[in-house]
N, C-alpha and C. Protein backbone atom coordinates (compact mmCIF):
# COMPACT_ATOMS: atom_id res chain seq x y z
N TYR A 1 74.59 -18.56 83.94
CA TYR A 1 73.35 -19.08 83.37
C TYR A 1 72.53 -19.88 84.37
N VAL A 2 73.14 -20.32 85.44
CA VAL A 2 72.42 -21.09 86.46
C VAL A 2 71.34 -20.23 87.11
N ASP A 3 71.61 -18.93 87.28
CA ASP A 3 70.60 -18.02 87.84
C ASP A 3 69.38 -17.93 86.95
N VAL A 4 69.58 -17.92 85.63
CA VAL A 4 68.47 -17.85 84.68
C VAL A 4 67.63 -19.12 84.78
N ILE A 5 68.29 -20.27 84.86
CA ILE A 5 67.57 -21.54 85.00
C ILE A 5 66.79 -21.55 86.31
N GLU A 6 67.42 -21.10 87.37
CA GLU A 6 66.75 -21.07 88.68
C GLU A 6 65.48 -20.21 88.63
N GLN A 7 65.56 -19.04 88.03
CA GLN A 7 64.39 -18.17 87.92
C GLN A 7 63.28 -18.84 87.11
N ALA A 8 63.65 -19.52 86.03
CA ALA A 8 62.66 -20.19 85.19
C ALA A 8 62.00 -21.36 85.92
N VAL A 9 62.77 -22.09 86.71
CA VAL A 9 62.23 -23.21 87.48
C VAL A 9 61.18 -22.70 88.46
N VAL A 10 61.46 -21.58 89.11
CA VAL A 10 60.55 -21.02 90.10
C VAL A 10 59.30 -20.44 89.44
N SER A 11 59.46 -19.77 88.29
CA SER A 11 58.32 -19.09 87.66
C SER A 11 57.55 -19.98 86.68
N GLY A 12 58.10 -21.14 86.35
CA GLY A 12 57.40 -22.05 85.43
C GLY A 12 57.59 -21.71 83.97
N GLU A 13 58.65 -20.99 83.66
CA GLU A 13 58.95 -20.61 82.28
C GLU A 13 59.80 -21.70 81.62
N PRO A 14 59.69 -21.85 80.30
CA PRO A 14 60.56 -22.81 79.61
C PRO A 14 61.98 -22.26 79.46
N VAL A 15 62.94 -23.15 79.41
CA VAL A 15 64.34 -22.78 79.20
C VAL A 15 64.85 -23.57 78.00
N LEU A 16 65.50 -22.87 77.08
CA LEU A 16 66.13 -23.50 75.91
C LEU A 16 67.64 -23.37 76.06
N ILE A 17 68.33 -24.49 76.12
CA ILE A 17 69.79 -24.48 76.15
C ILE A 17 70.24 -24.95 74.78
N GLU A 18 70.95 -24.07 74.08
CA GLU A 18 71.32 -24.34 72.69
C GLU A 18 72.75 -24.86 72.55
N ASN A 19 72.97 -25.52 71.43
CA ASN A 19 74.30 -25.96 70.99
C ASN A 19 75.01 -26.87 71.99
N LEU A 20 74.27 -27.81 72.55
CA LEU A 20 74.88 -28.77 73.47
C LEU A 20 75.83 -29.69 72.72
N GLU A 21 76.86 -30.08 73.41
CA GLU A 21 77.75 -31.11 72.88
C GLU A 21 77.27 -32.45 73.46
N GLU A 22 78.09 -33.47 73.38
CA GLU A 22 77.66 -34.78 73.85
C GLU A 22 77.78 -34.95 75.36
N THR A 23 78.44 -34.01 76.02
CA THR A 23 78.48 -34.05 77.49
C THR A 23 77.59 -32.94 78.02
N ILE A 24 76.80 -33.26 79.02
CA ILE A 24 75.87 -32.30 79.61
C ILE A 24 76.35 -31.99 81.01
N GLU A 25 76.36 -30.72 81.36
CA GLU A 25 76.87 -30.30 82.66
C GLU A 25 76.05 -30.90 83.80
N PRO A 26 76.71 -31.30 84.88
CA PRO A 26 76.03 -31.95 86.01
C PRO A 26 74.94 -31.09 86.65
N VAL A 27 75.03 -29.77 86.53
CA VAL A 27 74.02 -28.90 87.14
C VAL A 27 72.63 -29.15 86.56
N ILE A 28 72.57 -29.71 85.36
CA ILE A 28 71.30 -29.96 84.68
C ILE A 28 70.69 -31.30 85.08
N ASP A 29 71.50 -32.21 85.61
CA ASP A 29 71.03 -33.56 85.94
C ASP A 29 69.76 -33.61 86.79
N PRO A 30 69.68 -32.86 87.91
CA PRO A 30 68.44 -32.93 88.70
C PRO A 30 67.21 -32.49 87.92
N LEU A 31 67.38 -31.57 86.99
CA LEU A 31 66.25 -31.10 86.19
C LEU A 31 65.81 -32.15 85.19
N LEU A 32 66.76 -32.85 84.60
CA LEU A 32 66.41 -33.89 83.63
C LEU A 32 65.61 -35.00 84.29
N GLY A 33 66.04 -35.40 85.47
CA GLY A 33 65.35 -36.47 86.17
C GLY A 33 64.22 -36.00 87.06
N ARG A 34 64.02 -34.68 87.10
CA ARG A 34 63.01 -34.08 87.99
C ARG A 34 63.15 -34.63 89.41
N HIS A 35 64.38 -34.60 89.90
CA HIS A 35 64.67 -35.10 91.24
C HIS A 35 64.23 -34.07 92.27
N THR A 36 62.95 -34.07 92.55
CA THR A 36 62.41 -33.11 93.50
C THR A 36 62.60 -33.60 94.93
N ILE A 37 62.61 -32.64 95.84
CA ILE A 37 62.74 -32.93 97.26
C ILE A 37 61.62 -32.21 97.99
N LYS A 38 61.47 -32.49 99.25
CA LYS A 38 60.42 -31.87 100.06
C LYS A 38 59.04 -32.07 99.44
N LYS A 39 58.68 -33.32 99.30
CA LYS A 39 57.36 -33.71 98.76
C LYS A 39 57.10 -33.15 97.36
N GLY A 40 58.13 -33.12 96.54
CA GLY A 40 57.96 -32.72 95.15
C GLY A 40 57.82 -31.24 94.91
N ARG A 41 58.05 -30.44 95.93
CA ARG A 41 57.88 -29.00 95.77
C ARG A 41 59.17 -28.26 95.46
N CYS A 42 60.30 -28.84 95.74
CA CYS A 42 61.59 -28.16 95.54
C CYS A 42 62.52 -29.03 94.71
N ILE A 43 63.51 -28.37 94.12
CA ILE A 43 64.52 -29.09 93.34
C ILE A 43 65.84 -28.36 93.53
N LYS A 44 66.93 -29.08 93.41
CA LYS A 44 68.24 -28.47 93.58
C LYS A 44 68.75 -27.99 92.22
N VAL A 45 69.05 -26.70 92.15
CA VAL A 45 69.61 -26.10 90.93
C VAL A 45 70.96 -25.53 91.34
N GLY A 46 72.04 -26.14 90.85
CA GLY A 46 73.36 -25.72 91.30
C GLY A 46 73.50 -26.11 92.76
N ASP A 47 73.82 -25.13 93.61
CA ASP A 47 73.94 -25.41 95.04
C ASP A 47 72.75 -24.89 95.84
N LYS A 48 71.68 -24.48 95.17
CA LYS A 48 70.50 -23.93 95.84
C LYS A 48 69.30 -24.86 95.68
N GLU A 49 68.47 -24.85 96.70
CA GLU A 49 67.17 -25.50 96.60
C GLU A 49 66.15 -24.43 96.27
N CYS A 50 65.31 -24.68 95.28
CA CYS A 50 64.30 -23.68 94.94
C CYS A 50 62.97 -24.37 94.62
N TYR A 51 61.91 -23.59 94.70
CA TYR A 51 60.57 -24.10 94.41
C TYR A 51 60.53 -24.58 92.97
N PHE A 52 59.91 -25.74 92.75
CA PHE A 52 59.80 -26.30 91.40
C PHE A 52 58.38 -26.09 90.88
N HIS A 53 58.24 -25.19 89.94
CA HIS A 53 56.93 -24.90 89.34
C HIS A 53 56.59 -26.04 88.37
N PRO A 54 55.36 -26.57 88.44
CA PRO A 54 55.00 -27.70 87.57
C PRO A 54 54.98 -27.38 86.07
N ASP A 55 54.91 -26.11 85.70
CA ASP A 55 54.91 -25.74 84.29
C ASP A 55 56.31 -25.60 83.69
N PHE A 56 57.35 -25.73 84.51
CA PHE A 56 58.72 -25.58 84.00
C PHE A 56 59.02 -26.64 82.95
N ARG A 57 59.66 -26.23 81.87
CA ARG A 57 60.10 -27.15 80.81
C ARG A 57 61.54 -26.83 80.44
N LEU A 58 62.33 -27.86 80.21
CA LEU A 58 63.72 -27.71 79.80
C LEU A 58 63.86 -28.29 78.40
N ILE A 59 64.34 -27.47 77.48
CA ILE A 59 64.53 -27.91 76.09
C ILE A 59 66.02 -27.83 75.78
N LEU A 60 66.57 -28.92 75.35
CA LEU A 60 67.99 -28.99 75.01
C LEU A 60 68.12 -29.09 73.50
N HIS A 61 69.04 -28.32 72.93
CA HIS A 61 69.23 -28.26 71.48
C HIS A 61 70.68 -28.59 71.15
N THR A 62 70.87 -29.36 70.11
CA THR A 62 72.21 -29.65 69.63
C THR A 62 72.24 -29.54 68.12
N LYS A 63 73.40 -29.19 67.60
CA LYS A 63 73.58 -29.16 66.15
C LYS A 63 74.24 -30.45 65.66
N LEU A 64 74.51 -31.37 66.58
CA LEU A 64 75.14 -32.63 66.21
C LEU A 64 74.19 -33.46 65.36
N ALA A 65 74.70 -34.00 64.28
CA ALA A 65 73.86 -34.78 63.36
C ALA A 65 73.40 -36.10 63.98
N ASN A 66 74.27 -36.73 64.74
CA ASN A 66 73.94 -38.02 65.35
C ASN A 66 74.51 -38.05 66.77
N PRO A 67 73.87 -37.35 67.70
CA PRO A 67 74.44 -37.26 69.05
C PRO A 67 74.37 -38.58 69.80
N HIS A 68 75.38 -38.83 70.61
CA HIS A 68 75.43 -40.03 71.44
C HIS A 68 75.52 -39.60 72.90
N TYR A 69 74.38 -39.65 73.58
CA TYR A 69 74.34 -39.29 74.99
C TYR A 69 74.35 -40.54 75.85
N LYS A 70 74.76 -40.37 77.10
CA LYS A 70 74.79 -41.49 78.03
C LYS A 70 73.39 -42.08 78.16
N PRO A 71 73.30 -43.38 78.44
CA PRO A 71 71.98 -44.02 78.56
C PRO A 71 71.07 -43.34 79.59
N GLU A 72 71.65 -42.82 80.69
CA GLU A 72 70.83 -42.15 81.70
C GLU A 72 70.16 -40.91 81.10
N ILE A 73 70.89 -40.18 80.28
CA ILE A 73 70.35 -38.97 79.65
C ILE A 73 69.26 -39.36 78.66
N GLN A 74 69.51 -40.40 77.88
CA GLN A 74 68.52 -40.84 76.90
C GLN A 74 67.23 -41.31 77.58
N ALA A 75 67.35 -41.93 78.74
CA ALA A 75 66.17 -42.41 79.45
C ALA A 75 65.34 -41.27 80.04
N GLN A 76 65.98 -40.14 80.30
CA GLN A 76 65.30 -39.01 80.95
C GLN A 76 64.81 -37.96 79.96
N THR A 77 65.09 -38.14 78.69
CA THR A 77 64.74 -37.12 77.70
C THR A 77 64.01 -37.75 76.52
N THR A 78 63.44 -36.89 75.71
CA THR A 78 62.83 -37.32 74.45
C THR A 78 63.61 -36.64 73.33
N LEU A 79 64.19 -37.43 72.45
CA LEU A 79 64.96 -36.89 71.34
C LEU A 79 64.06 -36.72 70.13
N ILE A 80 64.06 -35.51 69.58
CA ILE A 80 63.29 -35.23 68.37
C ILE A 80 64.28 -34.81 67.30
N ASN A 81 64.30 -35.54 66.20
CA ASN A 81 65.22 -35.25 65.10
C ASN A 81 64.50 -34.39 64.07
N PHE A 82 64.94 -33.14 63.93
CA PHE A 82 64.33 -32.22 62.99
C PHE A 82 65.09 -32.15 61.67
N THR A 83 65.97 -33.10 61.44
CA THR A 83 66.73 -33.12 60.21
C THR A 83 65.80 -33.40 59.03
N VAL A 84 65.95 -32.61 57.98
CA VAL A 84 65.14 -32.80 56.78
C VAL A 84 66.00 -33.52 55.75
N THR A 85 65.47 -34.61 55.20
CA THR A 85 66.21 -35.33 54.16
C THR A 85 66.02 -34.60 52.83
N ARG A 86 66.86 -34.92 51.89
CA ARG A 86 66.76 -34.29 50.57
C ARG A 86 65.39 -34.60 49.93
N ASP A 87 64.95 -35.86 50.01
CA ASP A 87 63.65 -36.25 49.44
C ASP A 87 62.50 -35.54 50.15
N GLY A 88 62.60 -35.44 51.48
CA GLY A 88 61.56 -34.77 52.24
C GLY A 88 61.45 -33.30 51.89
N LEU A 89 62.60 -32.64 51.74
CA LEU A 89 62.61 -31.23 51.36
C LEU A 89 62.04 -31.06 49.96
N GLU A 90 62.41 -31.95 49.06
CA GLU A 90 61.90 -31.89 47.68
C GLU A 90 60.38 -32.02 47.67
N ASP A 91 59.85 -32.96 48.44
CA ASP A 91 58.39 -33.15 48.52
C ASP A 91 57.69 -31.91 49.07
N GLN A 92 58.27 -31.31 50.11
CA GLN A 92 57.67 -30.11 50.71
C GLN A 92 57.67 -28.95 49.72
N LEU A 93 58.78 -28.75 49.04
CA LEU A 93 58.88 -27.64 48.08
C LEU A 93 57.94 -27.85 46.89
N LEU A 94 57.86 -29.08 46.40
CA LEU A 94 56.97 -29.39 45.29
C LEU A 94 55.51 -29.14 45.69
N ALA A 95 55.15 -29.53 46.89
CA ALA A 95 53.78 -29.31 47.38
C ALA A 95 53.47 -27.81 47.46
N GLU A 96 54.44 -27.01 47.88
CA GLU A 96 54.23 -25.55 47.95
C GLU A 96 54.05 -24.95 46.56
N VAL A 97 54.86 -25.40 45.60
CA VAL A 97 54.75 -24.89 44.23
C VAL A 97 53.38 -25.24 43.65
N VAL A 98 52.96 -26.49 43.82
CA VAL A 98 51.64 -26.91 43.32
C VAL A 98 50.54 -26.10 44.00
N ASN A 99 50.67 -25.88 45.31
CA ASN A 99 49.67 -25.12 46.05
C ASN A 99 49.58 -23.68 45.55
N LEU A 100 50.70 -23.09 45.17
CA LEU A 100 50.70 -21.71 44.67
C LEU A 100 50.21 -21.62 43.23
N GLU A 101 50.65 -22.55 42.40
CA GLU A 101 50.31 -22.47 40.98
C GLU A 101 48.97 -23.12 40.64
N ARG A 102 48.60 -24.17 41.36
CA ARG A 102 47.35 -24.89 41.08
C ARG A 102 46.62 -25.23 42.38
N PRO A 103 46.10 -24.23 43.08
CA PRO A 103 45.42 -24.50 44.35
C PRO A 103 44.21 -25.40 44.19
N ASP A 104 43.67 -25.49 42.98
CA ASP A 104 42.52 -26.35 42.73
C ASP A 104 42.87 -27.84 42.89
N LEU A 105 44.15 -28.18 42.80
CA LEU A 105 44.58 -29.57 42.93
C LEU A 105 44.71 -30.01 44.40
N GLU A 106 44.65 -29.06 45.31
CA GLU A 106 44.84 -29.37 46.73
C GLU A 106 43.81 -30.38 47.24
N HIS A 107 42.58 -30.28 46.78
CA HIS A 107 41.54 -31.18 47.27
C HIS A 107 41.69 -32.61 46.75
N LEU A 108 42.56 -32.82 45.75
CA LEU A 108 42.77 -34.16 45.19
C LEU A 108 43.74 -35.01 46.02
N LYS A 109 44.39 -34.41 46.98
CA LYS A 109 45.35 -35.15 47.81
C LYS A 109 44.70 -36.29 48.54
């Protein structure tokens, strides 16, 4: 998978790494911190140095309900919690039902 990441870094494509556990492989560390070398044009991916395209994005996904990552990882990333609460789901579903059955009520919101 390191080759895929390397190609994406060079071409500026996003990479999604799914189902992470609480430990993240060291090969990803330079990407998280954007530790570029050679005046910000290159980055080390695995044991290779490659051109770092400014459009490259790394997205990490976990199924853990309450992940605990090291402070360094937390400082270098933005955590977005997409968990839906029971009340939130109920509100969304109720709004959809009202929108389907009584679209005239939509403007009253």
